[in-house]
All heavy atoms as atom14 arrays in JSON, in Angstrom:
{
  "sequence": "TISQDNAKNTLSLEMISLKPEDTAMYYCAAAQQVSLHIPLTVGGYNVW",
  "atom14_mask": [
    [1, 1, 1, 1, 1, 1, 1, 0, 0, 0, 0, 0, 0, 0],
    [1, 1, 1, 1, 1, 1, 1, 1, 0, 0, 0, 0, 0, 0],
    [1, 1, 1, 1, 1, 1, 0, 0, 0, 0, 0, 0, 0, 0],
    [1, 1, 1, 1, 1, 1, 1, 1, 1, 0, 0, 0, 0, 0],
    [1, 1, 1, 1, 1, 1, 1, 1, 0, 0, 0, 0, 0, 0],
    [1, 1, 1, 1, 1, 1, 1, 1, 0, 0, 0, 0, 0, 0],
    [1, 1, 1, 1, 1, 0, 0, 0, 0, 0, 0, 0, 0, 0],
    [1, 1, 1, 1, 1, 1, 1, 1, 1, 0, 0, 0, 0, 0],
    [1, 1, 1, 1, 1, 1, 1, 1, 0, 0, 0, 0, 0, 0],
    [1, 1, 1, 1, 1, 1, 1, 0, 0, 0, 0, 0, 0, 0],
    [1, 1, 1, 1, 1, 1, 1, 1, 0, 0, 0, 0, 0, 0],
    [1, 1, 1, 1, 1, 1, 0, 0, 0, 0, 0, 0, 0, 0],
    [1, 1, 1, 1, 1, 1, 1, 1, 0, 0, 0, 0, 0, 0],
    [1, 1, 1, 1, 1, 1, 1, 1, 1, 0, 0, 0, 0, 0],
    [1, 1, 1, 1, 1, 1, 1, 1, 0, 0, 0, 0, 0, 0],
    [1, 1, 1, 1, 1, 1, 1, 1, 0, 0, 0, 0, 0, 0],
    [1, 1, 1, 1, 1, 1, 0, 0, 0, 0, 0, 0, 0, 0],
    [1, 1, 1, 1, 1, 1, 1, 1, 0, 0, 0, 0, 0, 0],
    [1, 1, 1, 1, 1, 1, 1, 1, 1, 0, 0, 0, 0, 0],
    [1, 1, 1, 1, 1, 1, 1, 0, 0, 0, 0, 0, 0, 0],
    [1, 1, 1, 1, 1, 1, 1, 1, 1, 0, 0, 0, 0, 0],
    [1, 1, 1, 1, 1, 1, 1, 1, 0, 0, 0, 0, 0, 0],
    [1, 1, 1, 1, 1, 1, 1, 0, 0, 0, 0, 0, 0, 0],
    [1, 1, 1, 1, 1, 0, 0, 0, 0, 0, 0, 0, 0, 0],
    [1, 1, 1, 1, 1, 1, 1, 1, 0, 0, 0, 0, 0, 0],
    [1, 1, 1, 1, 1, 1, 1, 1, 1, 1, 1, 1, 0, 0],
    [1, 1, 1, 1, 1, 1, 1, 1, 1, 1, 1, 1, 0, 0],
    [1, 1, 1, 1, 1, 1, 0, 0, 0, 0, 0, 0, 0, 0],
    [1, 1, 1, 1, 1, 0, 0, 0, 0, 0, 0, 0, 0, 0],
    [1, 1, 1, 1, 1, 0, 0, 0, 0, 0, 0, 0, 0, 0],
    [1, 1, 1, 1, 1, 0, 0, 0, 0, 0, 0, 0, 0, 0],
    [1, 1, 1, 1, 1, 1, 1, 1, 1, 0, 0, 0, 0, 0],
    [1, 1, 1, 1, 1, 1, 1, 1, 1, 0, 0, 0, 0, 0],
    [1, 1, 1, 1, 1, 1, 1, 0, 0, 0, 0, 0, 0, 0],
    [1, 1, 1, 1, 1, 1, 0, 0, 0, 0, 0, 0, 0, 0],
    [1, 1, 1, 1, 1, 1, 1, 1, 0, 0, 0, 0, 0, 0],
    [1, 1, 1, 1, 1, 1, 1, 1, 1, 1, 0, 0, 0, 0],
    [1, 1, 1, 1, 1, 1, 1, 1, 0, 0, 0, 0, 0, 0],
    [1, 1, 1, 1, 1, 1, 1, 0, 0, 0, 0, 0, 0, 0],
    [1, 1, 1, 1, 1, 1, 1, 1, 0, 0, 0, 0, 0, 0],
    [1, 1, 1, 1, 1, 1, 1, 0, 0, 0, 0, 0, 0, 0],
    [1, 1, 1, 1, 1, 1, 1, 0, 0, 0, 0, 0, 0, 0],
    [1, 1, 1, 1, 0, 0, 0, 0, 0, 0, 0, 0, 0, 0],
    [1, 1, 1, 1, 0, 0, 0, 0, 0, 0, 0, 0, 0, 0],
    [1, 1, 1, 1, 1, 1, 1, 1, 1, 1, 1, 1, 0, 0],
    [1, 1, 1, 1, 1, 1, 1, 1, 0, 0, 0, 0, 0, 0],
    [1, 1, 1, 1, 1, 1, 1, 0, 0, 0, 0, 0, 0, 0],
    [1, 1, 1, 1, 1, 1, 1, 1, 1, 1, 1, 1, 1, 1]
  ],
  "atom14_positions": [
    [[8.13, -5.97, 2.52], [7.69, -5.69, 3.88], [7.01, -4.29, 3.97], [7.64, -3.33, 3.58], [8.81, -5.74, 4.88], [9.48, -7.04, 4.82], [8.24, -5.56, 6.28], [0.0, 0.0, 0.0], [0.0, 0.0, 0.0], [0.0, 0.0, 0.0], [0.0, 0.0, 0.0], [0.0, 0.0, 0.0], [0.0, 0.0, 0.0], [0.0, 0.0, 0.0]],
    [[5.83, -4.29, 4.41], [5.11, -3.01, 4.61], [5.06, -2.68, 6.03], [5.01, -3.46, 6.89], [3.61, -3.23, 4.11], [2.87, -1.77, 4.04], [2.86, -4.17, 4.9], [1.6, -1.81, 3.33], [0.0, 0.0, 0.0], [0.0, 0.0, 0.0], [0.0, 0.0, 0.0], [0.0, 0.0, 0.0], [0.0, 0.0, 0.0], [0.0, 0.0, 0.0]],
    [[5.22, -1.31, 6.26], [5.33, -0.83, 7.61], [4.65, 0.55, 7.62], [4.67, 1.22, 6.7], [6.67, -0.91, 8.16], [7.64, 0.01, 7.35], [0.0, 0.0, 0.0], [0.0, 0.0, 0.0], [0.0, 0.0, 0.0], [0.0, 0.0, 0.0], [0.0, 0.0, 0.0], [0.0, 0.0, 0.0], [0.0, 0.0, 0.0], [0.0, 0.0, 0.0]],
    [[4.32, 0.95, 8.84], [3.61, 2.25, 9.09], [4.32, 2.93, 10.21], [4.51, 2.34, 11.27], [2.19, 2.03, 9.31], [1.35, 3.28, 9.39], [-0.03, 2.92, 9.52], [-0.46, 2.57, 10.62], [-0.93, 2.91, 8.42], [0.0, 0.0, 0.0], [0.0, 0.0, 0.0], [0.0, 0.0, 0.0], [0.0, 0.0, 0.0], [0.0, 0.0, 0.0]],
    [[4.69, 4.21, 10.04], [5.37, 4.95, 11.13], [4.42, 6.13, 11.39], [4.36, 7.11, 10.69], [6.75, 5.59, 10.71], [7.46, 6.18, 11.78], [6.84, 6.61, 12.76], [8.67, 6.4, 11.71], [0.0, 0.0, 0.0], [0.0, 0.0, 0.0], [0.0, 0.0, 0.0], [0.0, 0.0, 0.0], [0.0, 0.0, 0.0], [0.0, 0.0, 0.0]],
    [[3.61, 5.98, 12.48], [2.64, 6.88, 12.82], [3.13, 8.23, 13.33], [2.57, 9.25, 13.14], [1.71, 6.33, 13.78], [0.79, 5.3, 13.24], [0.4, 5.34, 12.09], [0.43, 4.23, 14.09], [0.0, 0.0, 0.0], [0.0, 0.0, 0.0], [0.0, 0.0, 0.0], [0.0, 0.0, 0.0], [0.0, 0.0, 0.0], [0.0, 0.0, 0.0]],
    [[4.35, 8.15, 13.82], [5.04, 9.32, 14.3], [5.43, 10.27, 13.18], [5.44, 11.38, 13.37], [6.22, 9.09, 15.27], [0.0, 0.0, 0.0], [0.0, 0.0, 0.0], [0.0, 0.0, 0.0], [0.0, 0.0, 0.0], [0.0, 0.0, 0.0], [0.0, 0.0, 0.0], [0.0, 0.0, 0.0], [0.0, 0.0, 0.0], [0.0, 0.0, 0.0]],
    [[5.75, 9.65, 12.1], [6.1, 10.44, 10.9], [5.04, 10.58, 9.8], [5.34, 11.09, 8.81], [7.38, 9.87, 10.29], [8.53, 9.89, 11.17], [9.78, 9.18, 10.45], [11.01, 9.24, 11.44], [12.23, 8.64, 10.79], [0.0, 0.0, 0.0], [0.0, 0.0, 0.0], [0.0, 0.0, 0.0], [0.0, 0.0, 0.0], [0.0, 0.0, 0.0]],
    [[3.94, 9.87, 10.08], [2.82, 9.89, 9.08], [3.35, 9.31, 7.75], [2.91, 9.89, 6.7], [2.16, 11.28, 8.97], [1.55, 11.74, 10.18], [1.04, 10.95, 11.02], [1.47, 13.08, 10.3], [0.0, 0.0, 0.0], [0.0, 0.0, 0.0], [0.0, 0.0, 0.0], [0.0, 0.0, 0.0], [0.0, 0.0, 0.0], [0.0, 0.0, 0.0]],
    [[4.0, 8.25, 7.81], [4.45, 7.61, 6.56], [4.19, 6.13, 6.52], [4.01, 5.46, 7.53], [5.94, 7.86, 6.47], [6.69, 7.32, 7.57], [6.25, 9.33, 6.37], [0.0, 0.0, 0.0], [0.0, 0.0, 0.0], [0.0, 0.0, 0.0], [0.0, 0.0, 0.0], [0.0, 0.0, 0.0], [0.0, 0.0, 0.0], [0.0, 0.0, 0.0]],
    [[4.1, 5.65, 5.25], [3.89, 4.28, 5.0], [5.14, 3.91, 4.15], [5.56, 4.61, 3.21], [2.61, 4.06, 4.15], [2.35, 2.5, 3.81], [1.88, 1.77, 4.99], [1.31, 2.53, 2.75], [0.0, 0.0, 0.0], [0.0, 0.0, 0.0], [0.0, 0.0, 0.0], [0.0, 0.0, 0.0], [0.0, 0.0, 0.0], [0.0, 0.0, 0.0]],
    [[5.74, 2.77, 4.39], [6.91, 2.22, 3.64], [6.78, 0.91, 3.06], [5.79, 0.1, 3.61], [8.12, 2.31, 4.55], [8.38, 3.5, 5.17], [0.0, 0.0, 0.0], [0.0, 0.0, 0.0], [0.0, 0.0, 0.0], [0.0, 0.0, 0.0], [0.0, 0.0, 0.0], [0.0, 0.0, 0.0], [0.0, 0.0, 0.0], [0.0, 0.0, 0.0]],
    [[7.44, 0.62, 2.07], [7.44, -0.7, 1.43], [8.95, -1.03, 1.13], [9.57, -0.36, 0.3], [6.62, -0.75, 0.04], [6.61, -2.11, -0.52], [5.78, -3.07, 0.4], [5.91, -1.95, -1.9], [0.0, 0.0, 0.0], [0.0, 0.0, 0.0], [0.0, 0.0, 0.0], [0.0, 0.0, 0.0], [0.0, 0.0, 0.0], [0.0, 0.0, 0.0]],
    [[9.45, -1.98, 1.93], [10.86, -2.34, 1.68], [10.79, -3.53, 0.82], [10.12, -4.66, 0.98], [11.56, -2.79, 3.04], [13.0, -3.07, 2.94], [13.64, -3.44, 4.23], [12.86, -3.41, 5.37], [14.84, -3.8, 4.26], [0.0, 0.0, 0.0], [0.0, 0.0, 0.0], [0.0, 0.0, 0.0], [0.0, 0.0, 0.0], [0.0, 0.0, 0.0]],
    [[11.56, -3.5, -0.31], [11.59, -4.46, -1.35], [12.98, -4.99, -1.53], [13.88, -4.2, -1.74], [11.04, -3.86, -2.67], [9.7, -3.3, -2.58], [9.12, -2.65, -4.16], [10.24, -1.33, -4.36], [0.0, 0.0, 0.0], [0.0, 0.0, 0.0], [0.0, 0.0, 0.0], [0.0, 0.0, 0.0], [0.0, 0.0, 0.0], [0.0, 0.0, 0.0]],
    [[13.14, -6.39, -1.45], [14.44, -6.95, -1.66], [14.23, -8.01, -2.74], [13.19, -8.44, -2.93], [15.05, -7.53, -0.33], [14.07, -8.6, 0.2], [15.13, -6.47, 0.71], [14.69, -9.45, 1.36], [0.0, 0.0, 0.0], [0.0, 0.0, 0.0], [0.0, 0.0, 0.0], [0.0, 0.0, 0.0], [0.0, 0.0, 0.0], [0.0, 0.0, 0.0]],
    [[15.42, -8.49, -3.15], [15.42, -9.54, -4.19], [14.55, -9.19, -5.39], [13.65, -10.05, -5.79], [15.05, -10.93, -3.56], [15.91, -11.31, -2.5], [0.0, 0.0, 0.0], [0.0, 0.0, 0.0], [0.0, 0.0, 0.0], [0.0, 0.0, 0.0], [0.0, 0.0, 0.0], [0.0, 0.0, 0.0], [0.0, 0.0, 0.0], [0.0, 0.0, 0.0]],
    [[14.56, -8.03, -5.81], [13.71, -7.53, -6.92], [13.83, -8.45, -8.1], [14.99, -8.8, -8.48], [13.93, -6.12, -7.1], [13.29, -5.09, -6.09], [13.87, -3.76, -6.12], [11.87, -5.11, -6.14], [0.0, 0.0, 0.0], [0.0, 0.0, 0.0], [0.0, 0.0, 0.0], [0.0, 0.0, 0.0], [0.0, 0.0, 0.0], [0.0, 0.0, 0.0]],
    [[12.74, -8.55, -8.82], [12.69, -9.22, -10.06], [12.18, -8.37, -11.23], [11.43, -7.41, -10.98], [11.81, -10.45, -9.97], [12.25, -11.4, -8.78], [11.11, -12.49, -8.75], [11.5, -13.46, -7.49], [10.42, -14.53, -7.46], [0.0, 0.0, 0.0], [0.0, 0.0, 0.0], [0.0, 0.0, 0.0], [0.0, 0.0, 0.0], [0.0, 0.0, 0.0]],
    [[12.55, -8.7, -12.37], [11.99, -7.88, -13.6], [10.41, -7.69, -13.52], [9.9, -6.74, -13.93], [12.48, -8.69, -14.76], [13.82, -9.14, -14.32], [13.5, -9.67, -12.95], [0.0, 0.0, 0.0], [0.0, 0.0, 0.0], [0.0, 0.0, 0.0], [0.0, 0.0, 0.0], [0.0, 0.0, 0.0], [0.0, 0.0, 0.0], [0.0, 0.0, 0.0]],
    [[9.75, -8.81, -13.15], [8.36, -8.78, -13.14], [7.83, -7.84, -12.0], [6.63, -7.58, -11.98], [7.72, -10.16, -12.92], [8.28, -10.93, -11.79], [9.5, -11.92, -12.16], [10.28, -11.45, -13.06], [9.46, -12.97, -11.76], [0.0, 0.0, 0.0], [0.0, 0.0, 0.0], [0.0, 0.0, 0.0], [0.0, 0.0, 0.0], [0.0, 0.0, 0.0]],
    [[8.7, -7.27, -11.12], [8.21, -6.38, -10.23], [8.19, -4.83, -10.8], [7.76, -4.0, -10.17], [9.23, -6.36, -8.99], [9.19, -7.44, -8.14], [8.12, -8.06, -7.97], [10.34, -8.03, -7.72], [0.0, 0.0, 0.0], [0.0, 0.0, 0.0], [0.0, 0.0, 0.0], [0.0, 0.0, 0.0], [0.0, 0.0, 0.0], [0.0, 0.0, 0.0]],
    [[8.63, -4.72, -11.99], [8.57, -3.43, -12.71], [7.23, -2.98, -12.86], [6.37, -3.6, -13.39], [9.32, -3.6, -14.01], [10.59, -3.93, -13.82], [9.2, -2.27, -14.82], [0.0, 0.0, 0.0], [0.0, 0.0, 0.0], [0.0, 0.0, 0.0], [0.0, 0.0, 0.0], [0.0, 0.0, 0.0], [0.0, 0.0, 0.0], [0.0, 0.0, 0.0]],
    [[7.01, -1.69, -12.31], [5.58, -1.2, -12.35], [5.61, 0.15, -11.77], [6.61, 0.61, -11.08], [4.6, -2.13, -11.55], [0.0, 0.0, 0.0], [0.0, 0.0, 0.0], [0.0, 0.0, 0.0], [0.0, 0.0, 0.0], [0.0, 0.0, 0.0], [0.0, 0.0, 0.0], [0.0, 0.0, 0.0], [0.0, 0.0, 0.0], [0.0, 0.0, 0.0]],
    [[4.51, 0.88, -11.89], [4.2, 2.0, -11.14], [3.6, 1.71, -9.9], [2.64, 0.94, -9.84], [3.22, 3.05, -11.91], [3.11, 4.37, -11.28], [4.48, 5.41, -11.32], [4.44, 5.92, -13.04], [0.0, 0.0, 0.0], [0.0, 0.0, 0.0], [0.0, 0.0, 0.0], [0.0, 0.0, 0.0], [0.0, 0.0, 0.0], [0.0, 0.0, 0.0]],
    [[4.26, 2.07, -8.72], [3.69, 1.73, -7.41], [2.88, 2.81, -6.77], [3.4, 4.06, -6.83], [4.95, 1.33, -6.58], [5.47, -0.07, -6.8], [6.22, -0.25, -7.95], [5.24, -1.1, -5.94], [6.57, -1.66, -8.3], [5.74, -2.33, -6.17], [6.35, -2.55, -7.35], [6.77, -3.72, -7.63], [0.0, 0.0, 0.0], [0.0, 0.0, 0.0]],
    [[1.85, 2.57, -6.32], [0.88, 3.57, -5.68], [0.51, 3.36, -4.2], [0.41, 2.2, -3.83], [-0.44, 3.6, -6.49], [-0.33, 3.82, -7.89], [-0.18, 2.88, -8.82], [-0.53, 5.2, -8.31], [-0.09, 3.18, -10.22], [-0.45, 5.48, -9.71], [-0.33, 4.49, -10.5], [-0.24, 4.74, -11.98], [0.0, 0.0, 0.0], [0.0, 0.0, 0.0]],
    [[0.56, 4.36, -3.48], [0.29, 4.28, -2.13], [-1.3, 4.57, -2.0], [-1.79, 5.42, -2.73], [0.94, 5.34, -1.27], [0.55, 5.59, 0.4], [0.0, 0.0, 0.0], [0.0, 0.0, 0.0], [0.0, 0.0, 0.0], [0.0, 0.0, 0.0], [0.0, 0.0, 0.0], [0.0, 0.0, 0.0], [0.0, 0.0, 0.0], [0.0, 0.0, 0.0]],
    [[-2.06, 3.91, -1.11], [-3.38, 4.01, -1.04], [-3.98, 4.02, 0.46], [-3.24, 3.29, 1.24], [-4.24, 2.92, -1.83], [0.0, 0.0, 0.0], [0.0, 0.0, 0.0], [0.0, 0.0, 0.0], [0.0, 0.0, 0.0], [0.0, 0.0, 0.0], [0.0, 0.0, 0.0], [0.0, 0.0, 0.0], [0.0, 0.0, 0.0], [0.0, 0.0, 0.0]],
    [[-5.0, 4.58, 0.71], [-5.53, 4.63, 2.12], [-7.08, 4.56, 2.13], [-7.72, 4.94, 1.24], [-5.08, 5.82, 2.84], [0.0, 0.0, 0.0], [0.0, 0.0, 0.0], [0.0, 0.0, 0.0], [0.0, 0.0, 0.0], [0.0, 0.0, 0.0], [0.0, 0.0, 0.0], [0.0, 0.0, 0.0], [0.0, 0.0, 0.0], [0.0, 0.0, 0.0]],
    [[-7.58, 3.9, 3.12], [-9.06, 3.73, 3.3], [-9.44, 4.71, 4.41], [-8.9, 4.36, 5.6], [-9.41, 2.27, 3.53], [0.0, 0.0, 0.0], [0.0, 0.0, 0.0], [0.0, 0.0, 0.0], [0.0, 0.0, 0.0], [0.0, 0.0, 0.0], [0.0, 0.0, 0.0], [0.0, 0.0, 0.0], [0.0, 0.0, 0.0], [0.0, 0.0, 0.0]],
    [[-10.3, 5.64, 4.28], [-10.81, 6.4, 5.39], [-11.89, 5.81, 6.16], [-12.11, 6.31, 7.2], [-11.14, 7.87, 4.73], [-9.97, 8.59, 4.12], [-10.6, 9.83, 3.5], [-11.46, 9.94, 2.69], [-9.8, 11.01, 3.85], [0.0, 0.0, 0.0], [0.0, 0.0, 0.0], [0.0, 0.0, 0.0], [0.0, 0.0, 0.0], [0.0, 0.0, 0.0]],
    [[-12.45, 4.86, 5.5], [-13.56, 4.17, 6.29], [-13.36, 2.67, 6.24], [-12.73, 2.2, 5.34], [-14.9, 4.58, 5.69], [-15.3, 6.06, 5.68], [-16.65, 6.33, 5.04], [-17.05, 5.65, 4.15], [-17.26, 7.35, 5.53], [0.0, 0.0, 0.0], [0.0, 0.0, 0.0], [0.0, 0.0, 0.0], [0.0, 0.0, 0.0], [0.0, 0.0, 0.0]],
    [[-13.91, 2.07, 7.32], [-13.87, 0.68, 7.25], [-14.43, 0.09, 6.04], [-15.6, 0.66, 5.76], [-14.46, 0.09, 8.57], [-15.96, 0.36, 8.71], [-14.21, -1.51, 8.78], [0.0, 0.0, 0.0], [0.0, 0.0, 0.0], [0.0, 0.0, 0.0], [0.0, 0.0, 0.0], [0.0, 0.0, 0.0], [0.0, 0.0, 0.0], [0.0, 0.0, 0.0]],
    [[-14.14, -0.97, 5.59], [-14.7, -1.55, 4.35], [-14.69, -3.2, 4.47], [-13.7, -3.71, 5.0], [-13.97, -1.15, 3.18], [-14.41, -1.79, 1.91], [0.0, 0.0, 0.0], [0.0, 0.0, 0.0], [0.0, 0.0, 0.0], [0.0, 0.0, 0.0], [0.0, 0.0, 0.0], [0.0, 0.0, 0.0], [0.0, 0.0, 0.0], [0.0, 0.0, 0.0]],
    [[-15.65, -3.73, 3.8], [-15.57, -5.24, 3.73], [-14.82, -5.67, 2.48], [-14.74, -6.87, 2.37], [-17.12, -5.65, 3.62], [-17.86, -5.48, 4.98], [-19.32, -5.92, 4.74], [-17.17, -6.11, 6.18], [0.0, 0.0, 0.0], [0.0, 0.0, 0.0], [0.0, 0.0, 0.0], [0.0, 0.0, 0.0], [0.0, 0.0, 0.0], [0.0, 0.0, 0.0]],
    [[-14.29, -4.73, 1.73], [-13.52, -5.15, 0.59], [-12.26, -5.93, 1.05], [-11.78, -5.72, 2.09], [-13.11, -3.93, -0.22], [-14.12, -3.24, -1.07], [-14.96, -2.27, -0.51], [-14.62, -3.55, -2.26], [-15.85, -1.86, -1.49], [-15.65, -2.61, -2.56], [0.0, 0.0, 0.0], [0.0, 0.0, 0.0], [0.0, 0.0, 0.0], [0.0, 0.0, 0.0]],
    [[-11.87, -6.86, 0.16], [-10.67, -7.55, 0.46], [-9.54, -6.61, 0.55], [-9.5, -5.65, -0.35], [-10.52, -8.65, -0.63], [-11.65, -9.68, -0.5], [-9.09, -9.35, -0.43], [-11.53, -10.74, -1.68], [0.0, 0.0, 0.0], [0.0, 0.0, 0.0], [0.0, 0.0, 0.0], [0.0, 0.0, 0.0], [0.0, 0.0, 0.0], [0.0, 0.0, 0.0]],
    [[-8.62, -6.66, 1.51], [-7.53, -5.68, 1.66], [-6.72, -5.24, 0.42], [-6.36, -4.05, 0.29], [-6.66, -6.42, 2.7], [-7.56, -7.18, 3.46], [-8.57, -7.69, 2.52], [0.0, 0.0, 0.0], [0.0, 0.0, 0.0], [0.0, 0.0, 0.0], [0.0, 0.0, 0.0], [0.0, 0.0, 0.0], [0.0, 0.0, 0.0], [0.0, 0.0, 0.0]],
    [[-6.46, -6.18, -0.56], [-5.77, -5.92, -1.68], [-6.57, -5.63, -2.95], [-5.99, -5.69, -4.05], [-4.78, -7.11, -1.93], [-3.79, -7.31, -0.85], [-2.8, -8.48, -1.24], [-2.89, -5.99, -0.64], [0.0, 0.0, 0.0], [0.0, 0.0, 0.0], [0.0, 0.0, 0.0], [0.0, 0.0, 0.0], [0.0, 0.0, 0.0], [0.0, 0.0, 0.0]],
    [[-7.82, -5.27, -2.76], [-8.65, -4.79, -3.88], [-8.75, -3.23, -3.93], [-8.79, -2.63, -3.01], [-10.02, -5.47, -3.82], [-10.64, -4.92, -2.6], [-9.98, -6.94, -3.77], [0.0, 0.0, 0.0], [0.0, 0.0, 0.0], [0.0, 0.0, 0.0], [0.0, 0.0, 0.0], [0.0, 0.0, 0.0], [0.0, 0.0, 0.0], [0.0, 0.0, 0.0]],
    [[-8.66, -2.76, -5.21], [-8.75, -1.39, -5.33], [-9.94, -0.71, -4.73], [-9.92, 0.4, -4.27], [-8.77, -0.98, -6.89], [-8.95, 0.51, -7.14], [-7.46, -1.46, -7.61], [0.0, 0.0, 0.0], [0.0, 0.0, 0.0], [0.0, 0.0, 0.0], [0.0, 0.0, 0.0], [0.0, 0.0, 0.0], [0.0, 0.0, 0.0], [0.0, 0.0, 0.0]],
    [[-11.05, -1.35, -4.76], [-12.37, -0.91, -4.21], [-12.33, -0.66, -2.75], [-13.24, 0.09, -2.25], [0.0, 0.0, 0.0], [0.0, 0.0, 0.0], [0.0, 0.0, 0.0], [0.0, 0.0, 0.0], [0.0, 0.0, 0.0], [0.0, 0.0, 0.0], [0.0, 0.0, 0.0], [0.0, 0.0, 0.0], [0.0, 0.0, 0.0], [0.0, 0.0, 0.0]],
    [[-11.32, -1.08, -2.08], [-11.27, -0.85, -0.62], [-10.67, 0.47, -0.2], [-10.51, 0.68, 0.98], [0.0, 0.0, 0.0], [0.0, 0.0, 0.0], [0.0, 0.0, 0.0], [0.0, 0.0, 0.0], [0.0, 0.0, 0.0], [0.0, 0.0, 0.0], [0.0, 0.0, 0.0], [0.0, 0.0, 0.0], [0.0, 0.0, 0.0], [0.0, 0.0, 0.0]],
    [[-10.19, 1.25, -1.15], [-9.39, 2.45, -0.91], [-9.95, 3.71, -1.69], [-10.42, 3.61, -2.8], [-7.95, 2.27, -1.26], [-7.39, 1.12, -0.52], [-7.46, -0.21, -1.03], [-6.67, 1.23, 0.71], [-6.94, -1.38, -0.4], [-6.17, 0.23, 1.49], [-6.29, -1.16, 0.84], [-5.9, -2.14, 1.6], [0.0, 0.0, 0.0], [0.0, 0.0, 0.0]],
    [[-10.03, 4.79, -1.0], [-10.61, 6.05, -1.57], [-9.52, 7.21, -1.62], [-9.93, 8.29, -2.12], [-11.84, 6.39, -0.78], [-11.56, 6.85, 0.6], [-10.76, 6.25, 1.28], [-12.22, 7.88, 1.1], [0.0, 0.0, 0.0], [0.0, 0.0, 0.0], [0.0, 0.0, 0.0], [0.0, 0.0, 0.0], [0.0, 0.0, 0.0], [0.0, 0.0, 0.0]],
    [[-8.36, 6.97, -1.18], [-7.38, 7.93, -1.39], [-6.12, 7.42, -1.87], [-5.67, 6.33, -1.52], [-6.89, 8.54, 0.15], [-6.0, 9.57, 0.01], [-8.22, 9.03, 0.8], [0.0, 0.0, 0.0], [0.0, 0.0, 0.0], [0.0, 0.0, 0.0], [0.0, 0.0, 0.0], [0.0, 0.0, 0.0], [0.0, 0.0, 0.0], [0.0, 0.0, 0.0]],
    [[-5.59, 8.01, -2.94], [-4.48, 7.48, -3.7], [-3.36, 8.52, -3.98], [-3.66, 9.68, -4.21], [-5.0, 7.06, -5.1], [-5.97, 5.86, -4.94], [-7.26, 5.88, -4.76], [-5.54, 4.43, -5.13], [-7.8, 4.59, -4.76], [-6.78, 3.67, -4.92], [-4.45, 3.75, -5.45], [-6.76, 2.34, -5.06], [-4.5, 2.43, -5.44], [-5.57, 1.66, -5.27]]
  ]
}
């Protein structure tokens, strides 16, 4: 579950029922400008 707390300027990702295949380096990303890129594509974000 992804959530955003604008009062604290934070983004969260709650993960439950984790599986071995979830093992990875997790990155936070943000888009400063509107983009036509699909939301889950790397090209849609310019801040990492």
